[in-house]
Protein backbone atom coordinates (compact mmCIF):
# COMPACT_ATOMS: atom_id res chain seq x y z
CA MET A 1 0.00 0.00 0.00
CA ALA A 2 1.33 3.44 -0.91
CA GLU A 3 2.31 5.68 1.94
CA PRO A 4 -0.07 8.61 2.52
CA THR A 5 1.10 11.93 1.11
CA LYS A 6 2.70 14.09 3.75
CA PRO A 7 0.65 17.27 4.24
CA ARG A 8 2.33 20.53 3.28
CA LEU A 9 3.23 22.82 6.16
CA VAL A 10 1.44 26.15 6.39
CA CYS A 11 2.77 29.05 8.49
CA CYS A 12 0.71 32.17 9.19
CA ILE A 13 2.75 35.18 10.33
CA GLY A 14 1.09 38.02 12.21
CA ASP A 15 1.53 41.80 12.11
CA ILE A 16 5.14 42.97 11.79
CA HIS A 17 4.67 46.74 12.01
CA GLY A 18 8.09 47.96 10.97
CA PHE A 19 10.25 45.72 13.18
CA PRO A 20 12.77 44.02 10.86
CA THR A 21 14.86 42.44 13.65
CA LYS A 22 11.78 40.80 15.13
CA LEU A 23 10.84 39.51 11.67
CA GLN A 24 14.33 38.11 11.02
CA ASN A 25 14.43 36.40 14.42
CA LEU A 26 10.98 34.90 13.88
CA TRP A 27 12.05 33.63 10.44
CA SER A 28 15.12 31.91 11.89
CA ASN A 29 13.08 30.37 14.68
CA LEU A 30 10.48 29.07 12.24
CA GLU A 31 13.15 27.28 10.24
CA SER A 32 14.65 25.79 13.41
CA SER A 33 11.24 24.69 14.68
CA ILE A 34 9.98 23.20 11.42
CA GLY A 35 13.22 21.80 10.05
CA THR A 36 14.96 23.07 6.92
CA ALA A 37 13.52 20.53 4.46
CA ASP A 38 9.87 21.23 5.34
CA PHE A 39 10.49 24.94 5.84
CA ASN A 40 11.93 25.27 2.32
CA THR A 41 8.71 23.97 0.75
CA ALA A 42 6.19 25.53 3.16
CA LEU A 43 3.29 27.82 2.35
CA ILE A 44 4.00 31.07 4.22
CA ILE A 45 1.05 33.42 4.66
CA PHE A 46 1.83 36.91 5.96
CA LEU A 47 -1.29 38.37 7.53
CA GLY A 48 -0.53 42.01 6.77
CA ASP A 49 0.42 45.25 8.57
CA TYR A 50 4.08 45.36 7.59
CA CYS A 51 4.39 49.11 8.08
CA ASP A 52 4.04 51.84 10.76
CA ARG A 53 4.83 52.01 14.49
CA GLY A 54 8.18 50.23 14.33
CA PRO A 55 11.44 51.94 13.28
CA ASN A 56 12.10 50.51 9.80
CA THR A 57 9.26 49.66 7.44
CA ARG A 58 11.61 49.93 4.48
CA GLU A 59 13.87 47.18 5.81
CA VAL A 60 10.85 44.97 6.55
CA ILE A 61 9.65 45.27 2.95
CA ASP A 62 13.17 44.71 1.61
CA PHE A 63 13.23 41.44 3.57
CA LEU A 64 9.81 40.34 2.34
CA ILE A 65 10.45 41.00 -1.35
CA SER A 66 13.72 39.06 -1.14
CA LEU A 67 11.99 35.84 -0.09
CA PRO A 68 10.81 34.48 -3.50
CA SER A 69 14.35 34.47 -4.88
CA LYS A 70 15.95 33.21 -1.64
CA TYR A 71 13.33 30.50 -1.05
CA PRO A 72 12.10 29.59 -4.56
CA HIS A 73 10.31 26.40 -3.44
CA GLN A 74 8.24 28.11 -0.76
CA THR A 75 4.91 29.73 -1.62
CA HIS A 76 4.52 33.25 -0.23
CA VAL A 77 1.20 35.05 0.24
CA PHE A 78 1.29 38.69 1.33
CA LEU A 79 -2.07 39.85 2.60
CA SER A 80 -2.78 43.55 2.85
CA GLY A 81 -3.46 44.94 6.30
CA ASN A 82 -5.31 48.18 6.94
CA HIS A 83 -2.01 49.99 7.50
CA ASP A 84 -0.57 48.64 4.24
CA PHE A 85 -3.72 49.57 2.34
CA ALA A 86 -3.48 53.13 3.64
CA PHE A 87 0.24 53.30 2.72
CA ALA A 88 -0.56 52.08 -0.80
CA ALA A 89 -3.44 54.56 -1.09
CA PHE A 90 -1.14 57.46 -0.29
CA LEU A 91 1.23 56.28 -3.04
CA GLY A 92 -1.62 55.97 -5.53
CA LEU A 93 -1.36 52.18 -5.83
CA VAL A 94 -4.88 51.04 -5.01
CA PRO A 95 -7.32 50.31 -7.86
CA GLN A 96 -9.86 52.86 -8.99
CA PRO A 97 -13.47 52.23 -7.93
CA PRO A 98 -15.01 49.79 -10.42
CA ASP A 99 -18.12 51.94 -10.86
CA GLY A 100 -16.09 54.86 -12.20
CA SER A 101 -16.69 57.07 -9.17
CA GLU A 102 -14.01 59.23 -7.56
CA PHE A 103 -12.43 58.47 -4.19
CA ALA A 104 -13.38 61.97 -3.01
CA GLU A 105 -17.07 61.05 -3.16
CA ALA A 106 -16.53 58.60 -0.31
CA TRP A 107 -14.80 61.08 2.00
CA LYS A 108 -18.15 62.58 3.03
CA GLU A 109 -19.09 59.62 5.20
CA TYR A 110 -16.26 60.43 7.61
CA GLU A 111 -15.70 64.15 7.03
CA GLU A 112 -16.72 64.99 10.61
CA ASN A 113 -13.37 63.44 11.63
CA GLU A 114 -11.24 65.40 9.18
CA GLU A 115 -10.22 68.24 11.47
CA ARG A 116 -9.60 66.02 14.51
CA GLU A 117 -7.55 63.48 12.53
CA GLY A 118 -5.79 66.12 10.43
CA TRP A 119 -6.34 64.55 7.03
CA TYR A 120 -3.58 65.10 4.48
CA LYS A 121 -4.04 68.07 2.16
CA GLY A 122 -0.67 68.18 0.46
CA GLU A 123 0.48 67.50 -3.10
CA GLY A 124 -1.89 65.24 -4.97
CA SER A 125 -4.38 64.96 -2.13
CA TYR A 126 -7.38 65.55 -4.37
CA THR A 127 -6.21 63.87 -7.53
CA SER A 128 -3.04 61.90 -7.54
CA SER A 129 -2.05 60.32 -4.27
CA ILE A 130 -5.49 58.85 -3.69
CA ALA A 131 -6.54 58.35 -7.30
CA GLY A 132 -3.53 56.26 -8.19
CA GLY A 133 -1.57 58.52 -10.51
CA TYR A 134 1.01 60.02 -8.18
CA SER A 135 3.31 57.03 -8.02
CA PHE A 136 3.05 54.32 -10.62
CA CYS A 137 5.59 51.53 -10.87
CA SER A 138 7.14 52.02 -14.27
CA SER A 139 6.10 49.76 -17.09
CA SER A 140 8.15 49.38 -20.24
CA SER A 141 7.42 47.52 -23.44
CA GLY A 142 10.34 46.79 -25.74
CA GLY A 143 10.12 46.18 -29.46
CA ASP A 144 11.58 43.47 -31.67
CA ILE A 145 15.26 42.67 -30.99
CA HIS A 146 15.98 40.28 -33.87
CA GLY A 147 19.34 38.89 -32.83
CA PHE A 148 21.12 42.16 -31.98
CA PRO A 149 22.51 41.74 -28.43
CA THR A 150 24.48 45.00 -28.42
CA LYS A 151 21.38 46.98 -29.32
CA LEU A 152 19.48 45.19 -26.56
CA GLN A 153 22.17 45.93 -23.97
CA ASN A 154 22.32 49.59 -25.00
CA LEU A 155 18.53 49.90 -24.84
CA TRP A 156 18.52 48.30 -21.39
CA SER A 157 21.12 50.79 -20.10
CA ASN A 158 19.21 53.71 -21.59
CA LEU A 159 15.96 52.54 -20.03
CA GLU A 160 17.56 52.52 -16.59
CA SER A 161 19.02 55.99 -17.15
CA SER A 162 15.70 57.33 -18.43
CA ILE A 163 13.47 55.80 -15.75
CA GLY A 164 15.82 56.07 -12.79
CA THR A 165 17.34 53.11 -10.98
CA ALA A 166 14.76 52.87 -8.18
CA ASP A 167 11.74 52.69 -10.49
CA PHE A 168 13.61 50.63 -13.08
CA ASN A 169 14.48 47.98 -10.51
CA THR A 170 10.80 47.40 -9.70
CA ALA A 171 9.35 47.92 -13.17
CA LEU A 172 7.19 45.61 -15.23
CA ILE A 173 9.17 44.91 -18.42
CA ILE A 174 7.22 43.44 -21.32
CA PHE A 175 9.27 42.15 -24.25
CA LEU A 176 7.08 42.19 -27.34
CA GLY A 177 8.72 39.24 -29.10
CA ASP A 178 10.96 38.47 -32.09
CA TYR A 179 14.22 37.86 -30.27
CA CYS A 180 15.70 35.76 -33.07
CA ASP A 181 16.67 35.91 -36.78
CA ARG A 182 18.23 38.56 -39.03
CA GLY A 183 20.77 39.87 -36.52
CA PRO A 184 24.07 38.09 -35.86
CA ASN A 185 23.62 36.55 -32.41
CA THR A 186 20.26 35.18 -31.30
CA ARG A 187 22.01 32.94 -28.79
CA GLU A 188 23.52 35.92 -26.97
CA VAL A 189 20.18 37.74 -26.97
CA ILE A 190 18.47 34.81 -25.27
CA ASP A 191 21.37 34.45 -22.80
CA PHE A 192 20.78 38.09 -21.83
CA LEU A 193 17.02 37.66 -21.47
CA ILE A 194 17.16 34.55 -19.31
CA SER A 195 19.67 36.24 -17.00
CA LEU A 196 17.28 39.07 -16.10
CA PRO A 197 15.14 37.44 -13.37
CA SER A 198 18.21 36.66 -11.26
CA LYS A 199 19.94 39.99 -11.94
CA TYR A 200 16.78 42.06 -11.38
CA PRO A 201 14.73 40.00 -8.90
CA HIS A 202 12.30 42.83 -8.09
CA GLN A 203 11.36 43.50 -11.70
CA THR A 204 8.57 41.57 -13.40
CA HIS A 205 9.50 40.20 -16.83
CA VAL A 206 7.06 39.13 -19.52
CA PHE A 207 8.41 37.44 -22.65
CA LEU A 208 5.86 37.43 -25.46
CA SER A 209 6.31 35.14 -28.41
CA GLY A 210 6.76 36.76 -31.77
CA ASN A 211 6.09 34.95 -35.04
CA HIS A 212 9.84 34.35 -35.48
CA ASP A 213 10.18 32.91 -31.97
CA PHE A 214 7.13 30.72 -32.48
CA ALA A 215 8.63 29.33 -35.68
CA PHE A 216 12.01 28.74 -33.96
CA ALA A 217 10.22 26.90 -31.14
CA ALA A 218 8.17 24.91 -33.65
CA PHE A 219 11.31 23.66 -35.38
CA LEU A 220 12.67 22.50 -32.03
CA GLY A 221 9.41 20.69 -31.21
CA LEU A 222 8.57 23.04 -28.33
CA VAL A 223 5.08 24.24 -29.26
CA PRO A 224 2.05 22.45 -27.79
CA GLN A 225 0.29 19.77 -29.79
CA PRO A 226 -3.13 20.76 -31.19
CA PRO A 227 -5.71 20.37 -28.39
CA ASP A 228 -8.14 18.49 -30.66
CA GLY A 229 -5.67 15.62 -31.20
CA SER A 230 -5.03 16.48 -34.84
CA GLU A 231 -1.60 16.35 -36.47
CA PHE A 232 0.30 19.46 -37.52
CA ALA A 233 0.64 18.00 -41.02
CA GLU A 234 -3.13 18.27 -41.53
CA ALA A 235 -2.83 22.09 -41.48
CA TRP A 236 -0.08 22.26 -44.12
CA LYS A 237 -2.64 21.90 -46.93
CA GLU A 238 -3.95 25.42 -46.57
CA TYR A 239 -0.61 26.86 -47.71
CA GLU A 240 0.91 23.96 -49.71
CA GLU A 241 0.91 26.02 -52.92
CA ASN A 242 3.80 28.00 -51.35
CA GLU A 243 5.89 24.95 -50.43
CA GLU A 244 8.16 24.90 -53.46
CA ARG A 245 8.71 28.66 -53.62
CA GLU A 246 9.47 28.92 -49.89
CA GLY A 247 11.49 25.70 -49.83
CA TRP A 248 9.86 24.16 -46.77
CA TYR A 249 12.11 22.02 -44.57
CA LYS A 250 12.02 18.28 -45.35
CA GLY A 251 14.80 17.04 -43.09
CA GLU A 252 14.86 15.05 -39.88
CA GLY A 253 11.67 15.38 -37.84
CA TYR A 254 9.60 17.33 -40.37
CA GLU A 255 6.80 14.74 -40.56
CA ASN A 256 4.81 16.24 -37.70
CA MET A 257 6.25 19.74 -37.46
CA HIS A 258 4.10 22.85 -37.28
CA LEU A 259 4.03 24.62 -40.65
CA GLN A 260 5.88 27.68 -39.34
CA GLY A 261 8.78 25.49 -38.19
CA ARG A 262 9.10 24.09 -41.72
CA ARG A 263 8.97 27.57 -43.28
CA TRP A 264 11.47 28.95 -40.75
CA SER A 265 14.10 26.30 -41.40
CA GLY A 266 13.51 25.96 -45.14
CA LYS A 267 15.60 27.36 -47.99
CA ILE A 268 13.78 29.99 -50.01
CA LYS A 269 14.49 30.03 -53.74
CA ALA A 270 14.49 33.81 -54.13
CA LYS A 271 17.68 35.59 -53.14
CA PHE A 272 16.34 39.12 -52.65
CA ASN A 273 13.44 40.26 -50.47
CA VAL A 274 11.87 43.06 -52.50
CA ALA A 275 9.52 44.13 -49.69
CA LYS A 276 12.39 44.65 -47.23
CA GLY A 277 15.01 45.74 -49.72
CA MET A 278 17.62 43.21 -48.58
CA ASP A 279 18.80 39.68 -49.30
CA TYR A 280 17.03 36.74 -47.69
CA LYS A 281 19.09 35.02 -45.02
CA GLY A 282 18.42 31.34 -45.60
CA SER A 283 14.64 31.18 -45.28
CA ILE A 284 11.60 33.38 -45.60
CA TYR A 285 12.13 34.12 -41.88
CA ASP A 286 15.82 35.04 -42.33
CA ALA A 287 16.70 32.28 -39.88
CA ALA A 288 20.24 31.45 -41.06
CA PRO A 289 21.93 33.77 -38.50
CA THR A 290 20.02 32.01 -35.70
CA PHE A 291 21.31 28.59 -36.77
CA GLU A 292 24.82 30.00 -37.10
CA SER A 293 24.72 31.59 -33.62
CA TYR A 294 24.38 28.06 -32.22
CA GLY A 295 27.22 26.79 -34.39
CA VAL A 296 25.28 24.82 -37.01
CA PRO A 297 24.51 25.53 -40.70
CA HIS A 298 21.13 26.80 -41.75
CA GLY A 299 18.48 24.10 -42.06
CA SER A 300 20.42 21.52 -40.03
CA ALA A 301 18.56 19.22 -37.65
CA ASP A 302 21.62 19.47 -35.41
CA LEU A 303 20.13 22.71 -34.10
CA VAL A 304 17.79 20.64 -31.90
CA ARG A 305 20.83 19.24 -30.11
CA ALA A 306 22.82 22.50 -30.14
CA VAL A 307 20.26 24.70 -28.37
CA PRO A 308 20.85 24.57 -24.58
CA ASP A 309 18.07 23.28 -22.34
CA GLU A 310 17.64 26.67 -20.65
CA HIS A 311 17.06 28.27 -24.08
CA LYS A 312 14.52 25.59 -24.93
CA LYS A 313 12.71 26.29 -21.66
CA PHE A 314 12.64 30.01 -22.47
CA LEU A 315 11.15 29.33 -25.90
CA ALA A 316 8.61 26.85 -24.54
CA ASP A 317 7.52 29.23 -21.77
CA MET A 318 6.90 32.29 -23.95
CA VAL A 319 3.33 33.59 -23.71
CA TRP A 320 1.21 34.66 -26.65
CA VAL A 321 -0.58 37.47 -24.82
CA HIS A 322 -0.29 39.38 -21.56
CA GLU A 323 -2.92 41.46 -19.76
CA GLU A 324 -2.70 44.06 -17.00
CA ASP A 325 -5.87 45.35 -15.36
CA ASP A 326 -4.69 48.79 -14.23
CA VAL A 327 -1.97 50.65 -16.13
CA CYS A 328 -1.63 54.43 -16.16
CA ILE A 329 -0.73 56.71 -19.03
CA GLU A 330 -0.22 60.45 -19.07
CA THR A 331 -2.59 62.35 -21.35
CA GLY A 332 -3.38 65.99 -21.98
CA ASP A 333 -6.26 65.60 -19.53
CA GLY A 334 -4.11 64.07 -16.80
CA ILE A 335 -3.49 60.50 -15.71
CA LYS A 336 -5.70 57.89 -17.36
CA HIS A 337 -6.26 54.40 -15.96
CA CYS A 338 -6.46 51.66 -18.57
CA LYS A 339 -6.43 47.95 -19.10
CA LEU A 340 -3.42 46.78 -21.12
CA ILE A 341 -3.16 43.95 -23.65
CA ALA A 342 0.29 43.14 -25.01
CA VAL A 343 0.46 40.87 -28.06
CA HIS A 344 3.16 40.63 -30.72
CA ALA A 345 1.24 41.71 -33.83
CA GLY A 346 -2.14 42.76 -32.45
CA LEU A 347 -5.73 41.59 -32.12
CA VAL A 348 -7.83 40.81 -35.18
CA SER A 349 -10.04 43.87 -35.46
CA ASN A 350 -13.25 42.11 -36.56
CA GLN A 351 -13.20 39.14 -34.16
CA ASP A 352 -14.53 38.79 -30.63
CA VAL A 353 -11.82 39.90 -28.20
CA LYS A 354 -12.81 37.49 -25.44
CA GLU A 355 -12.52 34.51 -27.79
CA GLN A 356 -9.18 35.75 -29.13
CA LEU A 357 -7.75 36.10 -25.63
CA LYS A 358 -8.96 32.61 -24.73
CA PHE A 359 -7.28 31.20 -27.84
CA LEU A 360 -4.01 33.05 -27.20
CA LYS A 361 -3.82 32.12 -23.52
CA ALA A 362 -4.33 28.47 -24.46
CA LYS A 363 -1.56 28.68 -27.11
CA ASP A 364 -3.87 26.83 -29.47
CA THR A 365 -1.79 25.42 -32.34
CA ARG A 366 -4.57 23.98 -34.50
CA VAL A 367 -4.14 26.80 -37.01
CA PRO A 368 -1.18 26.96 -39.43
CA LYS A 369 -0.79 30.71 -38.90
CA VAL A 370 -1.54 32.65 -35.70
CA ASP A 371 -2.85 36.03 -36.85
CA SER A 372 -2.07 37.77 -33.54
CA LEU A 373 1.59 36.83 -33.99
CA SER A 374 1.89 37.11 -37.79
CA GLY A 375 -0.92 39.32 -39.11
CA ARG A 376 -0.52 42.70 -40.73
CA LYS A 377 -3.50 44.79 -41.84
CA ASN A 378 -6.01 42.59 -40.03
CA VAL A 379 -4.41 43.27 -36.63
CA TRP A 380 -3.37 46.89 -37.14
CA ASP A 381 -6.53 48.58 -35.85
CA MET A 382 -8.07 48.24 -32.39
CA PRO A 383 -11.17 46.04 -32.13
CA LYS A 384 -14.10 48.42 -31.73
CA GLU A 385 -15.41 46.68 -28.64
CA LEU A 386 -12.32 47.80 -26.70
CA SER A 387 -13.52 51.40 -26.93
CA GLU A 388 -16.10 50.55 -24.25
CA THR A 389 -13.37 50.26 -21.60
CA PRO A 390 -10.12 52.23 -22.01
CA THR A 391 -7.67 49.57 -23.22
CA ILE A 392 -4.10 49.92 -24.44
CA VAL A 393 -3.08 47.40 -27.10
CA VAL A 394 0.71 47.36 -27.45
CA SER A 395 2.58 45.37 -30.10
CA GLY A 396 5.83 45.14 -32.02
CA HIS A 397 6.11 43.25 -35.35
CA HIS A 398 5.19 45.94 -37.86
CA GLY A 399 8.58 47.55 -38.44
CA LYS A 400 7.52 51.04 -37.44
CA LEU A 401 6.68 53.29 -34.51
CA HIS A 402 2.99 54.14 -34.43
CA ILE A 403 1.02 55.70 -31.59
CA GLU A 404 -2.65 56.41 -32.25
CA GLY A 405 -4.79 56.84 -29.18
CA LEU A 406 -4.32 53.70 -27.10
CA ARG A 407 -2.97 51.61 -30.00
CA LEU A 408 0.80 51.42 -29.60
CA VAL A 409 3.11 49.78 -32.14
CA ILE A 410 6.74 49.80 -30.97
CA ASP A 411 9.05 48.29 -33.58
CA GLU A 412 11.35 50.84 -35.15
CA GLY A 413 14.08 48.30 -35.84
CA GLY A 414 12.34 45.57 -37.81
CA GLY A 415 15.55 43.56 -37.81
CA TYR A 416 17.50 46.12 -39.84
CA GLU A 417 21.05 46.72 -38.65
CA HIS A 418 20.88 50.47 -39.27
CA LYS A 419 17.59 51.06 -37.42
CA PRO A 420 17.14 51.45 -33.65
CA VAL A 421 15.51 49.10 -31.18
CA ALA A 422 12.95 51.04 -29.13
CA ALA A 423 10.81 50.80 -26.01
CA ILE A 424 7.91 52.80 -24.64
CA VAL A 425 7.74 53.71 -20.94
CA LEU A 426 4.44 54.10 -19.14
CA PRO A 427 2.92 56.19 -17.73
CA SER A 428 5.06 58.89 -19.38
CA MET A 429 4.65 57.47 -22.94
CA LYS A 430 8.33 58.27 -23.47
CA ILE A 431 10.14 56.48 -26.30
CA VAL A 432 13.63 55.22 -25.43
CA ARG A 433 16.02 53.86 -28.07
CA ASP A 434 19.29 52.00 -28.07
CA THR A 435 20.78 54.91 -30.02
CA ASP A 436 20.00 57.53 -27.33
CA ASP A 437 23.66 58.21 -26.52
CA SER A 438 22.80 61.13 -24.30
CA LEU A 439 21.23 58.68 -21.81
CA ALA A 440 24.18 56.33 -21.62
CA THR A 441 25.86 56.19 -18.22
């Protein structure tokens, strides 16, 4: 008979109130009491009230935010206490009322206490510090990198200089996809990207899949199988008239490879790409430099063995879409609170948004071409239904910088060596480029 599963330990930690030494001592005593093995896999629930009263709230929070990287196999839950909620409200970090009302409308219920309690009336008291616009953790979305590690490193340095180290170190960074192809060193680009979570543990990193990255992953066998049990080969038929011209891959492992993997690793007959004004590099995706960065010739099945496991994990883990419920942008009328949808190419303008998001979150590979990763005109405009709730749609892919209302397209580089790689910073809407020498430190 199998032994019963050992229950997971759960620890609930009470109010800390700005006493870091007490917290550190309690943490050590918990480990001693529980035992290191069980402690390292425990569920730790902090019951809130980290701030106020004690001498060093900052040090308490530094300790708490260090835990996920120091104890990666624990699960940490940080409840908000009333003190923490009030702290966040002063900084403008609590959500807006869902009914669209203003915070000031709710003051009336307690206004008889205002004079006795001495309510704050300083900077931002009526608009920003309560409404959420006074202090917003920076968000940055970076455009297509396409195998140019030096451009990526320069952009990263310029972002830190532009945003400021404190905000940069806690920012949400969304990479909009297309890390590979065209440029000389995809391998070095991915090395840089996978190093970020350990180098910047307090940032949040989102790695969207671009159409090039999807095709790279497809060649390596890293995309999910179709959820309906069908074979990838069944979807080739829709585009088989292009097979000879595009020189689809027919080497080792092609028999059940997603169409985009075959196109990516194939050998296109044409030598010159008229649309882009440059020579093709191996395939219609310009994938030859990616193969070469891993030390194998274009179209070689040896790439599957040459790509390191940590790179394969990165490619397998890429998401097709990312959503944020409350992102701020600066407008002529002040701070505006929006939902944000980040997707490599965009959302199909004439299809139901809810169904598209469901499809993208599932990474549904039944189709031979994912429009939200590969589309052009059909994903350029915002779906009309998004006008009902202010929603930013940010993408790369299109080889240009385009800002129209809440539709943001950030891809100045397009994989060209002579063009910059760019990012947009929210809420300021500032564009930062790798070529901004004046920002370099």
